C-alpha atoms as a PDB file:
ATOM      1  CA  UNK A   1       0.075   0.100   0.099  1.00  0.00           C
ATOM      2  CA  UNK A   2       1.537   3.367  -0.905  1.00  0.00           C
ATOM      3  CA  UNK A   3       1.465   6.128   1.433  1.00  0.00           C
ATOM      4  CA  UNK A   4      -0.741   8.932   1.176  1.00  0.00           C
ATOM      5  CA  UNK A   5       0.607  12.466   0.601  1.00  0.00           C
ATOM      6  CA  UNK A   6      -0.464  14.903   3.349  1.00  0.00           C
ATOM      7  CA  UNK A   7      -3.435  16.696   2.117  1.00  0.00           C
ATOM      8  CA  UNK A   8      -2.370  20.257   3.470  1.00  0.00           C
ATOM      9  CA  UNK A   9      -0.548  22.012   0.371  1.00  0.00           C
ATOM     10  CA  UNK A  10       1.840  23.550   3.011  1.00  0.00           C
ATOM     11  CA  UNK A  11       2.627  20.437   4.788  1.00  0.00           C
ATOM     12  CA  UNK A  12       3.142  18.562   1.380  1.00  0.00           C
ATOM     13  CA  UNK A  13       5.509  21.619   0.367  1.00  0.00           C
ATOM     14  CA  UNK A  14       7.366  21.422   3.640  1.00  0.00           C
ATOM     15  CA  UNK A  15       8.043  17.710   3.507  1.00  0.00           C
ATOM     16  CA  UNK A  16       9.426  18.158  -0.183  1.00  0.00           C
ATOM     17  CA  UNK A  17      11.561  21.237   0.300  1.00  0.00           C
ATOM     18  CA  UNK A  18      13.381  19.097   3.424  1.00  0.00           C
ATOM     19  CA  UNK A  19      14.117  16.285   1.135  1.00  0.00           C
ATOM     20  CA  UNK A  20      15.147  18.370  -1.597  1.00  0.00           C
ATOM     21  CA  UNK A  21      17.445  20.429   0.801  1.00  0.00           C
ATOM     22  CA  UNK A  22      19.110  17.501   2.400  1.00  0.00           C
ATOM     23  CA  UNK A  23      19.708  16.060  -0.921  1.00  0.00           C
ATOM     24  CA  UNK A  24      21.228  19.257  -2.039  1.00  0.00           C
ATOM     25  CA  UNK A  25      23.479  19.570   0.892  1.00  0.00           C
ATOM     26  CA  UNK A  26      24.626  15.764   0.455  1.00  0.00           C
ATOM     27  CA  UNK A  27      25.444  16.242  -3.195  1.00  0.00           C
ATOM     28  CA  UNK A  28      27.360  19.725  -2.538  1.00  0.00           C
ATOM     29  CA  UNK A  29      29.659  17.913  -0.069  1.00  0.00           C
ATOM     30  CA  UNK A  30      30.498  15.370  -2.780  1.00  0.00           C
ATOM     31  CA  UNK A  31      31.055  17.971  -5.484  1.00  0.00           C
ATOM     32  CA  UNK A  32      33.382  19.935  -3.041  1.00  0.00           C
ATOM     33  CA  UNK A  33      35.207  16.765  -2.193  1.00  0.00           C
ATOM     34  CA  UNK A  34      35.620  15.427  -5.979  1.00  0.00           C
ATOM     35  CA  UNK A  35      36.317  19.013  -7.076  1.00  0.00           C
ATOM     36  CA  UNK A  36      39.130  19.467  -4.693  1.00  0.00           C
ATOM     37  CA  UNK A  37      40.606  15.939  -5.290  1.00  0.00           C
ATOM     38  CA  UNK A  38      40.135  16.271  -8.906  1.00  0.00           C
ATOM     39  CA  UNK A  39      41.181  19.890  -9.421  1.00  0.00           C
ATOM     40  CA  UNK A  40      38.117  20.893 -11.301  1.00  0.00           C
ATOM     41  CA  UNK A  41      36.582  24.286 -11.742  1.00  0.00           C
ATOM     42  CA  UNK A  42      33.264  22.704 -12.695  1.00  0.00           C
ATOM     43  CA  UNK A  43      32.750  20.262  -9.833  1.00  0.00           C
ATOM     44  CA  UNK A  44      33.618  23.071  -7.274  1.00  0.00           C
ATOM     45  CA  UNK A  45      31.136  25.415  -9.360  1.00  0.00           C
ATOM     46  CA  UNK A  46      28.316  22.722  -8.918  1.00  0.00           C
ATOM     47  CA  UNK A  47      29.334  22.427  -4.858  1.00  0.00           C
ATOM     48  CA  UNK A  48      28.894  26.171  -4.629  1.00  0.00           C
ATOM     49  CA  UNK A  49      25.477  26.299  -6.493  1.00  0.00           C
ATOM     50  CA  UNK A  50      23.924  23.197  -4.482  1.00  0.00           C
ATOM     51  CA  UNK A  51      25.230  24.899  -1.444  1.00  0.00           C
ATOM     52  CA  UNK A  52      23.355  28.022  -2.354  1.00  0.00           C
ATOM     53  CA  UNK A  53      20.620  25.870  -3.361  1.00  0.00           C
ATOM     54  CA  UNK A  54      20.502  24.578   0.085  1.00  0.00           C
ATOM     55  CA  UNK A  55      20.522  27.815   1.690  1.00  0.00           C
ATOM     56  CA  UNK A  56      17.627  28.965  -0.344  1.00  0.00           C
ATOM     57  CA  UNK A  57      15.438  25.912   0.554  1.00  0.00           C
ATOM     58  CA  UNK A  58      16.016  26.659   4.225  1.00  0.00           C
ATOM     59  CA  UNK A  59      14.774  30.407   3.627  1.00  0.00           C
ATOM     60  CA  UNK A  60      11.668  29.148   1.704  1.00  0.00           C
ATOM     61  CA  UNK A  61      11.097  26.681   4.731  1.00  0.00           C
ATOM     62  CA  UNK A  62      11.004  29.554   6.814  1.00  0.00           C
ATOM     63  CA  UNK A  63       8.742  31.697   4.644  1.00  0.00           C
ATOM     64  CA  UNK A  64       6.579  28.759   3.901  1.00  0.00           C
ATOM     65  CA  UNK A  65       3.934  29.434   6.736  1.00  0.00           C
ATOM     66  CA  UNK A  66       4.008  32.896   6.498  1.00  0.00           C
ATOM     67  CA  UNK A  67       2.493  35.627   4.436  1.00  0.00           C
ATOM     68  CA  UNK A  68       2.888  35.928   0.575  1.00  0.00           C
ATOM     69  CA  UNK A  69       5.112  38.893   1.351  1.00  0.00           C
ATOM     70  CA  UNK A  70       7.490  36.893   3.091  1.00  0.00           C
ATOM     71  CA  UNK A  71       7.343  34.521   0.476  1.00  0.00           C
ATOM     72  CA  UNK A  72       8.148  37.065  -2.136  1.00  0.00           C
ATOM     73  CA  UNK A  73      10.985  38.170  -0.089  1.00  0.00           C
ATOM     74  CA  UNK A  74      12.355  34.813   0.259  1.00  0.00           C
ATOM     75  CA  UNK A  75      12.431  34.502  -3.695  1.00  0.00           C
ATOM     76  CA  UNK A  76      14.193  37.730  -3.940  1.00  0.00           C
ATOM     77  CA  UNK A  77      16.831  36.459  -1.664  1.00  0.00           C
ATOM     78  CA  UNK A  78      16.898  33.273  -3.785  1.00  0.00           C
ATOM     79  CA  UNK A  79      17.597  34.990  -6.975  1.00  0.00           C
ATOM     80  CA  UNK A  80      20.044  37.263  -5.371  1.00  0.00           C
ATOM     81  CA  UNK A  81      22.171  34.367  -4.010  1.00  0.00           C
ATOM     82  CA  UNK A  82      22.171  32.670  -7.756  1.00  0.00           C
ATOM     83  CA  UNK A  83      23.584  36.129  -8.790  1.00  0.00           C
ATOM     84  CA  UNK A  84      26.238  36.477  -6.239  1.00  0.00           C
ATOM     85  CA  UNK A  85      27.146  32.677  -6.896  1.00  0.00           C
ATOM     86  CA  UNK A  86      27.473  33.366 -10.440  1.00  0.00           C
ATOM     87  CA  UNK A  87      30.060  35.944 -10.042  1.00  0.00           C
ATOM     88  CA  UNK A  88      32.027  33.927  -7.620  1.00  0.00           C
ATOM     89  CA  UNK A  89      32.401  31.160 -10.128  1.00  0.00           C
ATOM     90  CA  UNK A  90      33.202  33.332 -12.756  1.00  0.00           C
ATOM     91  CA  UNK A  91      36.139  34.840 -10.703  1.00  0.00           C
ATOM     92  CA  UNK A  92      37.321  31.163  -9.754  1.00  0.00           C
ATOM     93  CA  UNK A  93      37.494  30.177 -13.577  1.00  0.00           C
ATOM     94  CA  UNK A  94      39.353  33.338 -14.364  1.00  0.00           C
ATOM     95  CA  UNK A  95      41.888  32.451 -11.518  1.00  0.00           C
ATOM     96  CA  UNK A  96      42.141  28.846 -12.649  1.00  0.00           C
ATOM     97  CA  UNK A  97      42.787  30.070 -16.280  1.00  0.00           C
ATOM     98  CA  UNK A  98      45.927  32.165 -15.186  1.00  0.00           C
ATOM     99  CA  UNK A  99      47.292  29.887 -12.386  1.00  0.00           C
ATOM    100  CA  UNK A 100      46.795  26.751 -14.229  1.00  0.00           C
ATOM    101  CA  UNK A 101      44.834  23.430 -13.366  1.00  0.00           C
ATOM    102  CA  UNK A 102      44.914  19.774 -13.849  1.00  0.00           C
ATOM    103  CA  UNK A 103      41.119  18.239 -13.552  1.00  0.00           C
ATOM    104  CA  UNK A 104      40.681  14.712 -13.630  1.00  0.00           C
ATOM    105  CA  UNK A 105      38.312  13.782 -16.319  1.00  0.00           C
ATOM    106  CA  UNK A 106      37.007  10.040 -14.854  1.00  0.00           C
ATOM    107  CA  UNK A 107      36.206  11.792 -11.706  1.00  0.00           C
ATOM    108  CA  UNK A 108      34.156  14.696 -13.296  1.00  0.00           C
ATOM    109  CA  UNK A 109      32.127  12.214 -15.210  1.00  0.00           C
ATOM    110  CA  UNK A 110      31.543   9.779 -12.166  1.00  0.00           C
ATOM    111  CA  UNK A 111      30.347  12.780  -9.989  1.00  0.00           C
ATOM    112  CA  UNK A 112      28.328  14.340 -12.649  1.00  0.00           C
ATOM    113  CA  UNK A 113      26.464  10.925 -13.249  1.00  0.00           C
ATOM    114  CA  UNK A 114      25.588  10.537  -9.422  1.00  0.00           C
ATOM    115  CA  UNK A 115      24.437  14.225  -9.236  1.00  0.00           C
ATOM    116  CA  UNK A 116      22.234  13.820 -12.447  1.00  0.00           C
ATOM    117  CA  UNK A 117      20.247  10.952 -10.697  1.00  0.00           C
ATOM    118  CA  UNK A 118      20.138  13.102  -7.362  1.00  0.00           C
ATOM    119  CA  UNK A 119      18.678  15.983  -9.126  1.00  0.00           C
ATOM    120  CA  UNK A 120      16.276  14.095 -11.277  1.00  0.00           C
ATOM    121  CA  UNK A 121      14.852  12.586  -8.183  1.00  0.00           C
ATOM    122  CA  UNK A 122      14.459  16.417  -6.978  1.00  0.00           C
ATOM    123  CA  UNK A 123      12.794  17.446 -10.210  1.00  0.00           C
ATOM    124  CA  UNK A 124      10.429  14.568  -9.773  1.00  0.00           C
ATOM    125  CA  UNK A 125       9.324  15.319  -6.197  1.00  0.00           C
ATOM    126  CA  UNK A 126       8.814  19.170  -6.759  1.00  0.00           C
ATOM    127  CA  UNK A 127       6.786  18.176  -9.876  1.00  0.00           C
ATOM    128  CA  UNK A 128       4.443  16.321  -7.837  1.00  0.00           C
ATOM    129  CA  UNK A 129       3.387  19.297  -5.971  1.00  0.00           C
ATOM    130  CA  UNK A 130       0.076  21.041  -6.904  1.00  0.00           C
ATOM    131  CA  UNK A 131      -0.316  24.616  -7.404  1.00  0.00           C
ATOM    132  CA  UNK A 132       3.548  25.577  -6.373  1.00  0.00           C
ATOM    133  CA  UNK A 133       4.238  29.051  -4.814  1.00  0.00           C
ATOM    134  CA  UNK A 134       6.984  31.198  -6.003  1.00  0.00           C
ATOM    135  CA  UNK A 135       9.625  29.564  -3.849  1.00  0.00           C
ATOM    136  CA  UNK A 136       8.656  26.034  -4.992  1.00  0.00           C
ATOM    137  CA  UNK A 137       8.920  27.173  -8.450  1.00  0.00           C
ATOM    138  CA  UNK A 138      12.309  28.803  -7.589  1.00  0.00           C
ATOM    139  CA  UNK A 139      13.323  25.489  -6.229  1.00  0.00           C
ATOM    140  CA  UNK A 140      12.222  23.797  -9.506  1.00  0.00           C
ATOM    141  CA  UNK A 141      14.471  26.322 -11.280  1.00  0.00           C
ATOM    142  CA  UNK A 142      17.439  25.332  -9.108  1.00  0.00           C
ATOM    143  CA  UNK A 143      16.958  21.596  -9.822  1.00  0.00           C
ATOM    144  CA  UNK A 144      16.768  22.023 -13.550  1.00  0.00           C
ATOM    145  CA  UNK A 145      19.618  24.263 -13.743  1.00  0.00           C
ATOM    146  CA  UNK A 146      21.602  21.831 -11.718  1.00  0.00           C
ATOM    147  CA  UNK A 147      20.363  18.931 -13.956  1.00  0.00           C
ATOM    148  CA  UNK A 148      21.688  20.897 -17.285  1.00  0.00           C
ATOM    149  CA  UNK A 149      24.923  21.632 -15.452  1.00  0.00           C
ATOM    150  CA  UNK A 150      25.462  17.920 -14.762  1.00  0.00           C
ATOM    151  CA  UNK A 151      25.196  17.250 -18.647  1.00  0.00           C
ATOM    152  CA  UNK A 152      28.044  19.721 -19.073  1.00  0.00           C
ATOM    153  CA  UNK A 153      30.066  18.481 -16.547  1.00  0.00           C
ATOM    154  CA  UNK A 154      29.617  15.038 -18.337  1.00  0.00           C
ATOM    155  CA  UNK A 155      30.976  16.609 -21.746  1.00  0.00           C
ATOM    156  CA  UNK A 156      33.623  18.376 -20.104  1.00  0.00           C
ATOM    157  CA  UNK A 157      34.818  15.461 -18.014  1.00  0.00           C
ATOM    158  CA  UNK A 158      35.039  13.339 -21.322  1.00  0.00           C
ATOM    159  CA  UNK A 159      37.008  16.176 -23.277  1.00  0.00           C
ATOM    160  CA  UNK A 160      39.176  16.577 -20.546  1.00  0.00           C
ATOM    161  CA  UNK A 161      40.133  12.683 -20.425  1.00  0.00           C
ATOM    162  CA  UNK A 162      40.433  12.668 -24.134  1.00  0.00           C
ATOM    163  CA  UNK A 163      42.406  15.993 -24.878  1.00  0.00           C
ATOM    164  CA  UNK A 164      44.373  16.072 -21.737  1.00  0.00           C
ATOM    165  CA  UNK A 165      43.560  19.729 -21.291  1.00  0.00           C
ATOM    166  CA  UNK A 166      41.915  21.841 -18.556  1.00  0.00           C
ATOM    167  CA  UNK A 167      39.817  24.242 -20.943  1.00  0.00           C
ATOM    168  CA  UNK A 168      36.634  22.104 -21.189  1.00  0.00           C
ATOM    169  CA  UNK A 169      36.565  22.205 -17.335  1.00  0.00           C
ATOM    170  CA  UNK A 170      36.855  25.898 -17.321  1.00  0.00           C
ATOM    171  CA  UNK A 171      34.610  26.509 -20.183  1.00  0.00           C
ATOM    172  CA  UNK A 172      31.827  24.409 -18.178  1.00  0.00           C
ATOM    173  CA  UNK A 173      32.614  26.445 -15.040  1.00  0.00           C
ATOM    174  CA  UNK A 174      31.978  29.614 -16.724  1.00  0.00           C
ATOM    175  CA  UNK A 175      28.782  27.992 -18.130  1.00  0.00           C
ATOM    176  CA  UNK A 176      27.339  26.931 -15.096  1.00  0.00           C
ATOM    177  CA  UNK A 177      27.844  30.678 -13.859  1.00  0.00           C
ATOM    178  CA  UNK A 178      25.681  31.670 -16.860  1.00  0.00           C
ATOM    179  CA  UNK A 179      23.006  29.227 -16.116  1.00  0.00           C
ATOM    180  CA  UNK A 180      22.901  30.237 -12.639  1.00  0.00           C
ATOM    181  CA  UNK A 181      22.673  34.027 -13.457  1.00  0.00           C
ATOM    182  CA  UNK A 182      19.718  33.413 -15.935  1.00  0.00           C
ATOM    183  CA  UNK A 183      18.231  31.445 -13.129  1.00  0.00           C
ATOM    184  CA  UNK A 184      18.542  34.204 -10.567  1.00  0.00           C
ATOM    185  CA  UNK A 185      17.245  36.700 -13.149  1.00  0.00           C
ATOM    186  CA  UNK A 186      14.196  34.393 -13.764  1.00  0.00           C
ATOM    187  CA  UNK A 187      13.431  34.177 -10.316  1.00  0.00           C
ATOM    188  CA  UNK A 188      13.697  37.816  -9.496  1.00  0.00           C
ATOM    189  CA  UNK A 189      11.251  38.293 -12.457  1.00  0.00           C
ATOM    190  CA  UNK A 190       8.797  35.800 -11.045  1.00  0.00           C
ATOM    191  CA  UNK A 191       8.765  37.198  -7.562  1.00  0.00           C
ATOM    192  CA  UNK A 192       8.418  40.735  -9.167  1.00  0.00           C
ATOM    193  CA  UNK A 193       5.495  39.690 -11.129  1.00  0.00           C
ATOM    194  CA  UNK A 194       3.682  38.280  -8.174  1.00  0.00           C
ATOM    195  CA  UNK A 195       4.699  41.486  -6.355  1.00  0.00           C
ATOM    196  CA  UNK A 196       2.768  43.427  -9.097  1.00  0.00           C
ATOM    197  CA  UNK A 197      -0.103  40.796  -8.904  1.00  0.00           C
ATOM    198  CA  UNK A 198      -0.631  41.335  -5.337  1.00  0.00           C
ATOM    199  CA  UNK A 199      -0.698  45.176  -5.752  1.00  0.00           C
ATOM    200  CA  UNK A 200      -3.200  44.936  -8.349  1.00  0.00           C
ATOM    201  CA  UNK A 201      -5.280  42.693  -6.152  1.00  0.00           C
ATOM    202  CA  UNK A 202      -5.179  45.241  -3.301  1.00  0.00           C
ATOM    203  CA  UNK A 203      -6.150  48.186  -5.511  1.00  0.00           C
ATOM    204  CA  UNK A 204      -9.150  45.999  -6.756  1.00  0.00           C
ATOM    205  CA  UNK A 205     -10.387  45.683  -3.110  1.00  0.00           C
ATOM    206  CA  UNK A 206     -10.304  49.389  -2.497  1.00  0.00           C
END
Protein backbone atom coordinates (compact mmCIF):
# COMPACT_ATOMS: atom_id res chain seq x y z
CA UNK A 1 0.00 0.00 0.00
CA UNK A 2 1.40 3.40 -0.97
CA UNK A 3 1.65 6.06 1.67
CA UNK A 4 -0.86 8.88 1.20
CA UNK A 5 0.54 12.34 0.61
CA UNK A 6 -0.34 14.98 3.22
CA UNK A 7 -3.52 16.81 2.21
CA UNK A 8 -2.38 20.20 3.51
CA UNK A 9 -0.49 21.92 0.61
CA UNK A 10 1.91 23.70 3.00
CA UNK A 11 2.68 20.41 4.75
CA UNK A 12 3.38 18.70 1.42
CA UNK A 13 5.60 21.57 0.28
CA UNK A 14 7.45 21.58 3.59
CA UNK A 15 8.17 17.85 3.42
CA UNK A 16 9.30 18.06 -0.20
CA UNK A 17 11.54 21.09 0.42
CA UNK A 18 13.17 19.35 3.40
CA UNK A 19 13.92 16.29 1.27
CA UNK A 20 15.31 18.39 -1.58
CA UNK A 21 17.37 20.48 0.87
CA UNK A 22 19.03 17.40 2.38
CA UNK A 23 19.71 15.89 -1.06
CA UNK A 24 21.32 19.14 -2.21
CA UNK A 25 23.44 19.41 0.92
CA UNK A 26 24.69 15.85 0.43
CA UNK A 27 25.50 16.35 -3.24
CA UNK A 28 27.26 19.66 -2.46
CA UNK A 29 29.63 17.83 -0.10
CA UNK A 30 30.30 15.31 -2.86
CA UNK A 31 31.03 18.06 -5.38
CA UNK A 32 33.43 19.87 -3.04
CA UNK A 33 35.29 16.67 -2.18
CA UNK A 34 35.67 15.52 -5.79
CA UNK A 35 36.33 19.07 -7.00
CA UNK A 36 39.23 19.47 -4.57
CA UNK A 37 40.55 15.98 -5.33
CA UNK A 38 40.10 16.36 -9.08
CA UNK A 39 41.21 20.02 -9.34
CA UNK A 40 38.01 20.82 -11.24
CA UNK A 41 36.44 24.26 -11.62
CA UNK A 42 33.20 22.71 -12.90
CA UNK A 43 32.82 20.44 -9.86
CA UNK A 44 33.59 23.24 -7.41
CA UNK A 45 31.10 25.44 -9.28
CA UNK A 46 28.37 22.87 -8.87
CA UNK A 47 29.28 22.39 -5.22
CA UNK A 48 28.80 26.11 -4.59
CA UNK A 49 25.60 25.99 -6.63
CA UNK A 50 24.13 23.18 -4.53
CA UNK A 51 25.26 24.91 -1.33
CA UNK A 52 23.47 28.11 -2.31
CA UNK A 53 20.42 26.02 -3.25
CA UNK A 54 20.41 24.47 0.23
CA UNK A 55 20.49 27.89 1.88
CA UNK A 56 17.65 29.04 -0.35
CA UNK A 57 15.54 25.97 0.49
CA UNK A 58 16.07 26.75 4.18
CA UNK A 59 14.87 30.32 3.58
CA UNK A 60 11.89 29.01 1.63
CA UNK A 61 10.98 26.66 4.49
CA UNK A 62 11.14 29.59 6.90
CA UNK A 63 8.80 31.63 4.68
CA UNK A 64 6.43 28.78 3.81
CA UNK A 65 3.95 29.25 6.65
CA UNK A 66 4.18 33.04 6.50
CA UNK A 67 2.49 35.67 4.36
CA UNK A 68 2.85 36.04 0.60
CA UNK A 69 5.07 39.06 1.24
CA UNK A 70 7.51 36.83 3.15
CA UNK A 71 7.43 34.30 0.30
CA UNK A 72 8.20 36.98 -2.28
CA UNK A 73 11.04 38.24 -0.08
CA UNK A 74 12.47 34.73 0.17
CA UNK A 75 12.31 34.38 -3.61
CA UNK A 76 14.16 37.69 -4.01
CA UNK A 77 16.89 36.42 -1.69
CA UNK A 78 17.04 33.20 -3.73
CA UNK A 79 17.53 35.08 -6.98
CA UNK A 80 20.13 37.38 -5.45
CA UNK A 81 22.14 34.46 -4.05
CA UNK A 82 22.24 32.83 -7.47
CA UNK A 83 23.63 36.03 -9.02
CA UNK A 84 26.30 36.29 -6.29
CA UNK A 85 27.18 32.62 -6.80
CA UNK A 86 27.52 33.19 -10.56
CA UNK A 87 29.96 36.04 -10.00
CA UNK A 88 32.07 33.93 -7.62
CA UNK A 89 32.31 31.03 -10.08
CA UNK A 90 33.34 33.36 -12.88
CA UNK A 91 36.14 34.78 -10.72
CA UNK A 92 37.33 31.25 -9.81
CA UNK A 93 37.39 30.16 -13.46
CA UNK A 94 39.45 33.20 -14.44
CA UNK A 95 41.86 32.49 -11.57
CA UNK A 96 42.31 28.88 -12.71
CA UNK A 97 42.90 30.06 -16.28
CA UNK A 98 45.87 32.16 -15.19
CA UNK A 99 47.26 29.89 -12.46
CA UNK A 100 46.61 26.59 -14.28
CA UNK A 101 44.78 23.41 -13.23
CA UNK A 102 44.85 19.66 -13.95
CA UNK A 103 41.26 18.34 -13.70
CA UNK A 104 40.60 14.58 -13.66
CA UNK A 105 38.14 13.61 -16.41
CA UNK A 106 37.00 10.21 -15.03
CA UNK A 107 36.26 11.71 -11.61
CA UNK A 108 34.24 14.52 -13.22
CA UNK A 109 32.17 12.01 -15.19
CA UNK A 110 31.48 9.80 -12.16
CA UNK A 111 30.38 12.69 -9.95
CA UNK A 112 28.21 14.19 -12.69
CA UNK A 113 26.34 10.90 -13.16
CA UNK A 114 25.61 10.62 -9.43
CA UNK A 115 24.49 14.25 -9.27
CA UNK A 116 22.24 13.85 -12.33
CA UNK A 117 20.37 11.02 -10.60
CA UNK A 118 19.95 13.08 -7.41
CA UNK A 119 18.76 16.16 -9.30
CA UNK A 120 16.38 14.02 -11.34
CA UNK A 121 14.82 12.83 -8.08
CA UNK A 122 14.50 16.45 -6.89
CA UNK A 123 12.76 17.49 -10.12
CA UNK A 124 10.34 14.56 -9.80
CA UNK A 125 9.53 15.37 -6.17
CA UNK A 126 8.92 19.05 -6.91
CA UNK A 127 6.84 18.22 -9.97
CA UNK A 128 4.37 16.28 -7.81
CA UNK A 129 3.34 19.41 -5.92
CA UNK A 130 0.07 21.03 -6.98
CA UNK A 131 -0.24 24.82 -7.26
CA UNK A 132 3.40 25.55 -6.33
CA UNK A 133 4.12 28.97 -4.84
CA UNK A 134 6.93 31.28 -5.95
CA UNK A 135 9.49 29.51 -3.73
CA UNK A 136 8.66 26.03 -5.02
CA UNK A 137 8.93 27.37 -8.57
CA UNK A 138 12.34 28.77 -7.59
CA UNK A 139 13.35 25.37 -6.21
CA UNK A 140 12.32 23.75 -9.48
CA UNK A 141 14.44 26.29 -11.37
CA UNK A 142 17.43 25.36 -9.20
CA UNK A 143 17.01 21.64 -9.83
CA UNK A 144 16.62 22.12 -13.59
CA UNK A 145 19.72 24.34 -13.66
CA UNK A 146 21.67 21.72 -11.73
CA UNK A 147 20.52 18.95 -14.08
CA UNK A 148 21.69 20.97 -17.11
CA UNK A 149 25.00 21.67 -15.37
CA UNK A 150 25.49 17.94 -14.73
CA UNK A 151 25.21 17.31 -18.48
CA UNK A 152 27.86 19.94 -19.09
CA UNK A 153 30.21 18.29 -16.61
CA UNK A 154 29.75 14.93 -18.35
CA UNK A 155 30.79 16.46 -21.67
CA UNK A 156 33.66 18.40 -20.10
CA UNK A 157 34.91 15.34 -18.24
CA UNK A 158 34.99 13.35 -21.46
CA UNK A 159 36.87 16.11 -23.30
CA UNK A 160 39.34 16.60 -20.43
CA UNK A 161 40.01 12.85 -20.40
CA UNK A 162 40.40 12.70 -24.18
CA UNK A 163 42.38 15.91 -24.79
CA UNK A 164 44.36 16.07 -21.55
CA UNK A 165 43.52 19.79 -21.31
CA UNK A 166 41.82 21.91 -18.66
CA UNK A 167 39.92 24.24 -21.00
CA UNK A 168 36.71 22.14 -21.18
CA UNK A 169 36.52 22.22 -17.37
CA UNK A 170 36.92 26.00 -17.34
CA UNK A 171 34.34 26.49 -20.09
CA UNK A 172 31.76 24.44 -18.17
CA UNK A 173 32.56 26.30 -14.95
CA UNK A 174 31.81 29.58 -16.74
CA UNK A 175 28.70 28.05 -18.35
CA UNK A 176 27.42 26.97 -14.92
CA UNK A 177 27.83 30.58 -13.79
CA UNK A 178 25.81 31.71 -16.82
CA UNK A 179 23.02 29.20 -16.15
CA UNK A 180 22.89 30.29 -12.50
CA UNK A 181 22.74 33.97 -13.46
CA UNK A 182 19.93 33.31 -15.93
CA UNK A 183 18.01 31.32 -13.31
CA UNK A 184 18.52 34.06 -10.72
CA UNK A 185 17.17 36.70 -13.09
CA UNK A 186 14.16 34.48 -13.84
CA UNK A 187 13.39 34.02 -10.14
CA UNK A 188 13.63 37.77 -9.51
CA UNK A 189 11.26 38.40 -12.41
CA UNK A 190 8.82 35.82 -11.05
CA UNK A 191 8.88 37.42 -7.59
CA UNK A 192 8.45 40.86 -9.17
CA UNK A 193 5.44 39.58 -11.11
CA UNK A 194 3.92 38.16 -7.92
CA UNK A 195 4.43 41.55 -6.26
CA UNK A 196 2.61 43.38 -9.06
CA UNK A 197 -0.20 40.83 -8.95
CA UNK A 198 -0.61 41.41 -5.21
CA UNK A 199 -0.62 45.20 -5.69
CA UNK A 200 -3.34 44.98 -8.35
CA UNK A 201 -5.42 42.71 -6.12
CA UNK A 202 -5.12 45.19 -3.25
CA UNK A 203 -6.12 48.07 -5.56
CA UNK A 204 -9.15 46.10 -6.73
CA UNK A 205 -10.34 45.72 -3.14
CA UNK A 206 -10.28 49.47 -2.55
